[in-house]
Every structure is written in C-alpha cells, then in structure tokens.
Amino acid sequence: MTYGLGPSVGSYQLGRKSPDRTRPNVLLKRVRGATLSPPAATDWGTSAMNTMAMNDQLGCCTISDKVHVVTSQQYFGQGRTVVIPDTEVLKAYRAVSGYVPGKPRTDVGATLQDAFDYARKVGFSDGSVTHRIEAFAQIDAISNRGAIDHDLIKTCIDSFGHVAVGMVFPDFAMDQFGNNQVWDWSSRVRYREEGGHDIPLVGYGGTGAGAYYDCWTWGRRQRITVPFFERFFEEFWTSGEKDWQRLDGSVPNGIDGQAAQVEFERLIGEGPGWDGAPPAPDPDPVPEPVPGPDGPEPPPIDDQLVEAFESFSGVFSAWRGVHGK
C-alpha cells in the first residue's frame, strides 16, 4: 500500500509512503543475548522545534522529521538554535517525491529511506552551513512474532537523539491531536487507517501503564502510550551527525567516543572493539577506478551505506549511559 495525503485536523498533512522492502539497507540490531540498559528517561525535545516545516501544506512529513532533528541535534550537541527554512524543506521534498508546485496531484509523499538518503547526500542549509547526516540505518526492532524491542529503541533515542518512526495513522488520532490529548489506543476502539505518517521520537519515560514516548509533529510535542506505539508503528530508523558530538568529544548523554565505539560494535556484533581490542587503524586509501567508456561503475548502494555507517561509528559516540547534566 502506498500512502499519500490524508484527512487532516485543520491542515495537518500525512505523507509517508510505505517502505520499499526490495531496496537494500543497513539493519541495526542487538546481538543475540546482549543486554541493553537505557536510562529510565530521556528528552531531546526543544521548543525551537515548534515549526510546521510545511507539513501543514504538503505531505512532506518525512522531510519535516529530518529538519526537526537538525534543530534538536544542533541545540543539544552544539548549543545553537538552528531552524531550517521552508525553502529547504520544499527543495528536499521536490527531490524525493517528484512534487511540482501548483500541481496537487504530484504531492504524493515519500519513503523514510529516500528522505534519509537525501539528508546524507545533499543535506539542509540553514543559510550559512549545510547539515548532512553521516549515516543512517533501519532499526531491527520487531521480531518475527511482532514483539517490539523497546530497550533497543530507547537506547537509540538516548544515544542518537532520535528515532524516526513510520506509522499507520488511525482516524481517532487526529481527534486526539486536535484536542491536545495523548495518542492512546485500546482494543475496544474501532478505527479507520487514514494513511502513513513519519514522526521523530525524541524522548521516553515512565514505567508500567505510565510508560510513554514523546515525538515532535505538526509544530509541537506529542505524547504516545505504549499500546498506541505497538499497534500503529511499523518501521524504525535512526541516523547520526558529527555535530551531535561536542567539541570535547563527548555527546549530550555523557558517553565518550572510545567507550561508545566499543558499545556500538558489541551491539552490532562486528568490529574489533566489542571484545576489548582497540579499533583497527583506518585502511589505506583505495585508488580511484579508471573510467571506462561509460564512466566508472558506482558501488552498490548497500556497500555505500555500510561504508558510511562504519565510518560514522568511529567518530559518533552515543550508545548507552546516563545524561551528563
């Protein structure tokens, strides 16, 4: 099913296309038997994210998510307030969706993977600096039986500052949002699926029946209960940017780069760091291939993503710990 625009409260738009499962991507998952201990609560939200980022006009939620994360990571990582202008949102949305201004039928939404790919290759300019992510990966947080690995998702939120979620949007959630209510669901509630939406999770907390996640969408913070989360969320992604790491090498959750590299490699079960050995030195540069008649063959996209994520993991530190407040 391909999701596009849907009903709205006022003019709040949907616009997430369902994932293309035939495309290669990097999967981030915990090693079998590994224990994760995320902090009890984390919050990477800031009022500087209170912008619509054109998601009141277009089905550009996948791009709106990315620019809101830029704001959060600059605020907590570098102590700067950065808001990406709508011109950049429109430029990105046109690139990933084929939207043509003035032609509403071309406003068809986009996939999370395409939006992340744009954020890595092109990025978003704040007028003076272009912000690009270093790498991104899909979080393998749903088991074959449908169980969700909440500790993995919480670890990623705490460590990377966000988790992008692709959700199936139920009609009653529009009413809850319009009434400033928490997004909640019980098996007694009947609903109709309105379309797809993309939101960045930036926090979590609580225990038991009071457990919650926080996202930022349509210009404000929105709280989510675990039953709603487990019913309507179907894909999870995260990414990293070097600016999330402070100048002293630490990150907002207080973890240093070396320790995080070991934890990252232990989590994915690869690399020399997870067994206590020091990280391997950078390999010698590979010579550029000699172009043929039609130019050099580009490397497969999955190889590009793996290389980007491995490079990113060596400088980005954020896998686990408590806030350095």
Protein backbone atom coordinates (compact mmCIF):
# COMPACT_ATOMS: atom_id res chain seq x y z
CA MET A 1 0.00 0.00 0.00
CA THR A 2 1.29 3.44 -0.90
CA TYR A 3 0.28 6.18 1.47
CA GLY A 4 -0.03 9.80 0.40
CA LEU A 5 -2.14 12.67 1.62
CA GLY A 6 -4.93 12.02 4.04
CA PRO A 7 -7.59 13.78 6.12
CA SER A 8 -6.48 16.49 8.49
CA VAL A 9 -7.18 18.43 11.64
CA GLY A 10 -7.09 21.95 10.29
CA SER A 11 -4.41 21.45 7.67
CA TYR A 12 -2.13 18.83 9.23
CA GLN A 13 -0.94 16.54 6.46
CA LEU A 14 0.20 12.96 6.26
CA GLY A 15 2.53 11.73 3.51
CA ARG A 16 4.66 8.69 4.37
CA LYS A 17 4.85 6.09 1.67
CA SER A 18 5.11 2.50 2.83
CA PRO A 19 8.69 1.16 2.75
CA ASP A 20 10.12 -0.45 -0.37
CA ARG A 21 11.21 -3.76 1.09
CA THR A 22 13.10 -4.71 -2.06
CA ARG A 23 15.68 -1.98 -1.52
CA PRO A 24 18.88 -2.77 0.39
CA ASN A 25 19.57 -1.00 3.67
CA VAL A 26 21.71 -1.32 6.78
CA LEU A 27 19.97 -3.05 9.69
CA LEU A 28 20.88 -2.08 13.23
CA LYS A 29 20.04 -4.75 15.82
CA ARG A 30 21.21 -6.10 19.12
CA VAL A 31 23.42 -9.14 19.31
CA ARG A 32 21.57 -12.25 20.44
CA GLY A 33 21.82 -12.44 24.21
CA ALA A 34 23.16 -8.89 24.61
CA THR A 35 21.70 -6.80 27.46
CA LEU A 36 20.82 -3.15 26.95
CA SER A 37 20.18 -0.79 29.86
CA PRO A 38 18.90 2.54 28.56
CA PRO A 39 18.32 5.34 31.09
CA ALA A 40 14.89 5.45 32.69
CA ALA A 41 14.02 8.65 30.82
CA THR A 42 15.45 10.78 28.02
CA ASP A 43 14.28 14.04 26.44
CA TRP A 44 15.91 15.63 23.37
CA GLY A 45 12.98 17.92 22.55
CA THR A 46 13.22 21.71 22.42
CA SER A 47 10.69 24.44 21.72
CA ALA A 48 12.84 25.52 18.78
CA MET A 49 11.31 22.51 17.00
CA ASN A 50 7.86 24.13 17.18
CA THR A 51 7.64 24.68 13.43
CA MET A 52 5.35 23.10 10.86
CA ALA A 53 8.16 22.68 8.32
CA MET A 54 5.48 22.83 5.59
CA ASN A 55 3.67 19.72 6.83
CA ASP A 56 0.54 21.83 7.15
CA GLN A 57 0.64 22.41 3.38
CA LEU A 58 2.29 19.33 1.88
CA GLY A 59 2.63 15.62 2.57
CA CYS A 60 6.29 16.20 3.44
CA CYS A 61 6.41 14.61 6.90
CA THR A 62 9.49 12.55 6.00
CA ILE A 63 11.39 15.78 5.31
CA SER A 64 9.84 17.70 8.21
CA ASP A 65 11.13 14.96 10.51
CA LYS A 66 14.69 15.45 9.23
CA VAL A 67 14.78 19.23 9.68
CA HIS A 68 13.34 18.99 13.18
CA VAL A 69 16.12 16.56 14.09
CA VAL A 70 18.69 19.07 12.78
CA THR A 71 17.26 21.60 15.23
CA SER A 72 17.40 19.15 18.15
CA GLN A 73 20.91 17.94 17.45
CA GLN A 74 22.33 21.43 16.98
CA TYR A 75 20.64 22.60 20.17
CA PHE A 76 21.83 19.77 22.40
CA GLY A 77 25.09 18.96 20.63
CA GLN A 78 26.43 22.41 19.82
CA GLY A 79 24.33 24.80 21.89
CA ARG A 80 22.98 26.54 18.78
CA THR A 81 19.42 27.28 17.78
CA VAL A 82 19.09 26.33 14.12
CA VAL A 83 15.80 26.29 12.21
CA ILE A 84 15.91 25.07 8.61
CA PRO A 85 13.92 27.41 6.33
CA ASP A 86 10.88 26.19 4.42
CA THR A 87 12.67 26.79 1.12
CA GLU A 88 14.99 23.91 2.03
CA VAL A 89 12.06 21.72 3.03
CA LEU A 90 10.39 22.36 -0.33
CA LYS A 91 13.62 21.73 -2.25
CA ALA A 92 14.11 18.40 -0.48
CA TYR A 93 10.50 17.30 -0.84
CA ARG A 94 10.53 18.03 -4.57
CA ALA A 95 13.68 15.93 -4.90
CA VAL A 96 12.40 12.87 -3.02
CA SER A 97 8.78 12.85 -4.14
CA GLY A 98 8.64 14.48 -7.57
CA TYR A 99 6.29 17.16 -6.27
CA VAL A 100 5.68 20.06 -8.66
CA PRO A 101 4.40 23.27 -7.02
CA GLY A 102 0.98 24.17 -8.33
CA LYS A 103 0.16 20.56 -9.23
CA PRO A 104 -1.52 18.99 -6.18
CA ARG A 105 -1.66 15.53 -7.76
CA THR A 106 2.13 15.35 -7.58
CA ASP A 107 2.03 15.74 -3.78
CA VAL A 108 2.25 12.00 -3.16
CA GLY A 109 4.57 11.70 -0.16
CA ALA A 110 7.88 9.85 0.15
CA THR A 111 9.55 6.93 1.93
CA LEU A 112 11.69 7.34 5.02
CA GLN A 113 14.62 5.75 3.24
CA ASP A 114 14.52 8.31 0.42
CA ALA A 115 14.37 11.16 2.93
CA PHE A 116 17.35 9.78 4.86
CA ASP A 117 19.27 9.29 1.62
CA TYR A 118 18.69 12.93 0.72
CA ALA A 119 19.76 14.06 4.20
CA ARG A 120 23.03 12.15 3.79
CA LYS A 121 23.88 13.11 0.21
CA VAL A 122 22.53 16.68 -0.02
CA GLY A 123 21.52 17.89 3.44
CA PHE A 124 19.80 21.07 4.59
CA SER A 125 21.23 24.57 4.61
CA ASP A 126 20.42 26.99 7.42
CA GLY A 127 21.69 29.88 5.27
CA SER A 128 25.33 29.54 6.26
CA VAL A 129 26.01 25.86 6.98
CA THR A 130 24.75 22.71 5.27
CA HIS A 131 23.80 19.97 7.72
CA ARG A 132 24.20 16.40 6.49
CA ILE A 133 23.88 13.16 8.38
CA GLU A 134 26.88 10.84 8.37
CA ALA A 135 24.92 7.60 8.03
CA PHE A 136 21.55 6.04 8.69
CA ALA A 137 20.19 2.59 9.40
CA GLN A 138 16.90 0.82 9.88
CA ILE A 139 16.46 -0.50 13.41
CA ASP A 140 15.62 -4.18 13.52
CA ALA A 141 13.28 -3.80 16.48
CA ILE A 142 10.33 -6.01 15.51
CA SER A 143 10.62 -9.77 15.94
CA ASN A 144 9.10 -12.32 13.59
CA ARG A 145 6.27 -12.67 16.08
CA GLY A 146 5.64 -8.92 16.18
CA ALA A 147 7.23 -8.19 19.57
CA ILE A 148 8.97 -4.79 19.80
CA ASP A 149 12.43 -4.42 21.30
CA HIS A 150 11.74 -1.32 23.41
CA ASP A 151 15.17 -1.30 25.04
CA LEU A 152 16.82 -1.13 21.62
CA ILE A 153 14.59 1.74 20.52
CA LYS A 154 15.15 3.61 23.80
CA THR A 155 18.90 3.08 23.51
CA CYS A 156 18.84 4.58 20.04
CA ILE A 157 16.75 7.57 21.16
CA ASP A 158 19.06 8.24 24.09
CA SER A 159 22.20 7.70 22.05
CA PHE A 160 21.44 9.23 18.66
CA GLY A 161 18.94 11.82 19.86
CA HIS A 162 16.05 10.49 17.82
CA VAL A 163 14.37 7.54 16.16
CA ALA A 164 12.32 8.16 13.02
CA VAL A 165 9.10 6.16 13.03
CA GLY A 166 6.89 5.22 10.13
CA MET A 167 3.37 4.77 11.40
CA VAL A 168 -0.04 3.82 10.08
CA PHE A 169 -2.22 6.74 11.12
CA PRO A 170 -5.66 5.93 12.62
CA ASP A 171 -8.53 8.38 12.26
CA PHE A 172 -9.10 8.82 16.01
CA ALA A 173 -5.51 10.05 16.47
CA MET A 174 -6.40 13.18 14.52
CA ASP A 175 -9.14 13.91 17.06
CA GLN A 176 -6.76 13.24 19.96
CA PHE A 177 -4.16 15.56 18.48
CA GLY A 178 -6.71 18.30 17.83
CA ASN A 179 -7.89 18.04 21.45
CA ASN A 180 -4.32 18.12 22.86
CA GLN A 181 -4.68 14.54 24.11
CA VAL A 182 -2.12 11.77 24.36
CA TRP A 183 -2.12 9.29 21.48
CA ASP A 184 -3.61 6.19 23.08
CA TRP A 185 -5.40 3.06 21.93
CA SER A 186 -7.25 0.10 23.39
CA SER A 187 -8.68 -2.99 21.75
CA ARG A 188 -12.18 -1.56 22.30
CA VAL A 189 -11.51 1.31 19.89
CA ARG A 190 -12.52 0.83 16.28
CA TYR A 191 -10.71 2.90 13.70
CA ARG A 192 -10.01 3.52 10.05
CA GLU A 193 -6.48 3.80 8.67
CA GLU A 194 -6.07 7.25 7.14
CA GLY A 195 -2.58 6.96 5.67
CA GLY A 196 1.07 6.98 6.63
CA HIS A 197 2.94 9.45 8.81
CA ASP A 198 6.57 9.94 9.85
CA ILE A 199 7.48 11.30 13.26
CA PRO A 200 10.76 11.67 15.17
CA LEU A 201 10.77 10.12 18.63
CA VAL A 202 12.88 12.39 20.84
CA GLY A 203 12.12 11.12 24.33
CA TYR A 204 10.61 8.49 26.56
CA GLY A 205 9.95 7.79 30.23
CA GLY A 206 7.60 6.29 32.78
CA THR A 207 7.09 2.68 33.78
CA GLY A 208 4.31 0.11 33.54
CA ALA A 209 0.98 1.56 32.45
CA GLY A 210 2.53 5.05 32.68
CA ALA A 211 5.30 4.37 30.13
CA TYR A 212 5.36 6.78 27.22
CA TYR A 213 7.28 8.06 24.20
CA ASP A 214 7.45 11.66 23.01
CA CYS A 215 7.56 12.74 19.39
CA TRP A 216 7.53 16.08 17.60
CA THR A 217 4.96 16.57 14.88
CA TRP A 218 2.91 19.39 13.37
CA GLY A 219 4.67 22.06 15.39
CA ARG A 220 4.55 20.59 18.88
CA ARG A 221 5.39 17.74 21.23
CA GLN A 222 3.02 14.78 21.17
CA ARG A 223 2.95 12.09 23.84
CA ILE A 224 2.33 8.44 22.92
CA THR A 225 1.34 5.45 25.06
CA VAL A 226 2.93 2.04 24.61
CA PRO A 227 -0.33 0.39 23.39
CA PHE A 228 -0.61 3.01 20.64
CA PHE A 229 3.08 2.60 19.83
CA GLU A 230 2.83 -1.17 19.48
CA ARG A 231 -0.35 -1.04 17.42
CA PHE A 232 0.48 1.58 14.81
CA PHE A 233 4.26 1.87 14.45
CA GLU A 234 5.74 -0.34 11.74
CA GLU A 235 9.25 0.89 10.83
CA PHE A 236 12.08 2.47 12.81
CA TRP A 237 15.21 4.29 11.60
CA THR A 238 18.00 6.34 13.14
CA SER A 239 20.93 8.40 11.93
CA GLY A 240 23.91 10.32 13.19
CA GLU A 241 25.56 13.66 12.53
CA LYS A 242 29.01 14.70 13.73
CA ASP A 243 27.58 17.86 15.30
CA TRP A 244 25.78 15.66 17.81
CA GLN A 245 29.26 15.14 19.26
CA ARG A 246 30.52 18.11 21.25
CA LEU A 247 33.89 19.72 20.69
CA ASP A 248 35.36 17.93 23.73
CA GLY A 249 34.46 14.55 22.21
CA SER A 250 31.51 13.84 24.49
CA VAL A 251 27.90 13.65 23.44
CA PRO A 252 24.83 15.03 25.25
CA ASN A 253 24.18 11.76 27.09
CA GLY A 254 27.67 11.83 28.63
CA ILE A 255 29.36 8.97 26.76
CA ASP A 256 32.89 9.39 25.41
CA GLY A 257 33.75 8.35 21.88
CA GLN A 258 36.01 5.40 22.67
CA ALA A 259 33.56 3.78 25.05
CA ALA A 260 30.73 4.30 22.60
CA GLN A 261 32.71 2.73 19.77
CA VAL A 262 33.16 -0.42 21.87
CA GLU A 263 29.47 -0.43 22.79
CA PHE A 264 28.38 0.16 19.19
CA GLU A 265 30.48 -2.72 17.90
CA ARG A 266 29.30 -5.00 20.71
CA LEU A 267 25.72 -4.15 19.85
CA ILE A 268 26.04 -4.98 16.17
CA GLY A 269 28.43 -7.89 16.77
CA GLU A 270 31.10 -6.60 14.40
CA GLY A 271 34.43 -4.87 14.63
CA PRO A 272 37.42 -5.32 16.94
CA GLY A 273 36.16 -3.12 19.76
CA TRP A 274 33.44 -5.34 21.14
CA ASP A 275 35.90 -7.88 22.56
CA GLY A 276 38.07 -5.22 24.18
CA ALA A 277 40.64 -4.82 21.43
CA PRO A 278 41.41 -1.30 20.17
CA PRO A 279 39.75 -0.19 16.93
CA ALA A 280 41.71 -1.00 13.79
CA PRO A 281 43.52 1.87 12.05
CA ASP A 282 41.97 3.47 9.02
CA PRO A 283 42.76 1.50 5.86
CA ASP A 284 44.97 2.94 3.16
CA PRO A 285 43.07 4.99 0.57
CA VAL A 286 41.75 2.95 -2.34
CA PRO A 287 42.81 4.33 -5.75
CA GLU A 288 40.02 5.74 -7.86
CA PRO A 289 38.98 3.33 -10.65
CA VAL A 290 39.95 4.24 -14.18
CA PRO A 291 36.81 5.36 -16.02
CA GLY A 292 35.67 3.17 -18.88
CA PRO A 293 33.81 4.32 -21.96
CA ASP A 294 30.67 4.87 -19.92
CA GLY A 295 32.36 6.03 -16.74
CA PRO A 296 33.14 4.03 -13.55
CA GLU A 297 30.58 1.67 -12.10
CA PRO A 298 29.22 3.06 -8.82
CA PRO A 299 29.41 0.75 -5.81
CA PRO A 300 26.16 -0.95 -4.81
CA ILE A 301 24.02 1.19 -2.53
CA ASP A 302 24.20 -1.31 0.33
CA ASP A 303 28.02 -1.17 0.20
CA GLN A 304 27.86 2.61 0.30
CA LEU A 305 25.62 2.57 3.34
CA VAL A 306 27.74 0.00 5.18
CA GLU A 307 30.88 2.05 4.50
CA ALA A 308 29.15 5.23 5.65
CA PHE A 309 27.87 3.64 8.84
CA GLU A 310 31.23 2.09 9.68
CA SER A 311 32.92 5.45 9.15
CA PHE A 312 30.27 7.15 11.23
CA SER A 313 30.56 4.69 14.11
CA GLY A 314 34.24 5.53 14.53
CA VAL A 315 33.53 9.20 15.33
CA PHE A 316 29.98 9.21 16.65
CA SER A 317 29.64 8.25 20.31
CA ALA A 318 26.30 7.53 21.74
CA TRP A 319 25.24 4.06 22.57
CA ARG A 320 24.37 3.96 26.22
CA GLY A 321 24.68 5.71 29.58
CA VAL A 322 23.22 8.46 31.68
CA HIS A 323 22.85 12.10 30.85
CA GLY A 324 25.78 14.32 31.66
CA LYS A 325 23.67 17.01 33.33
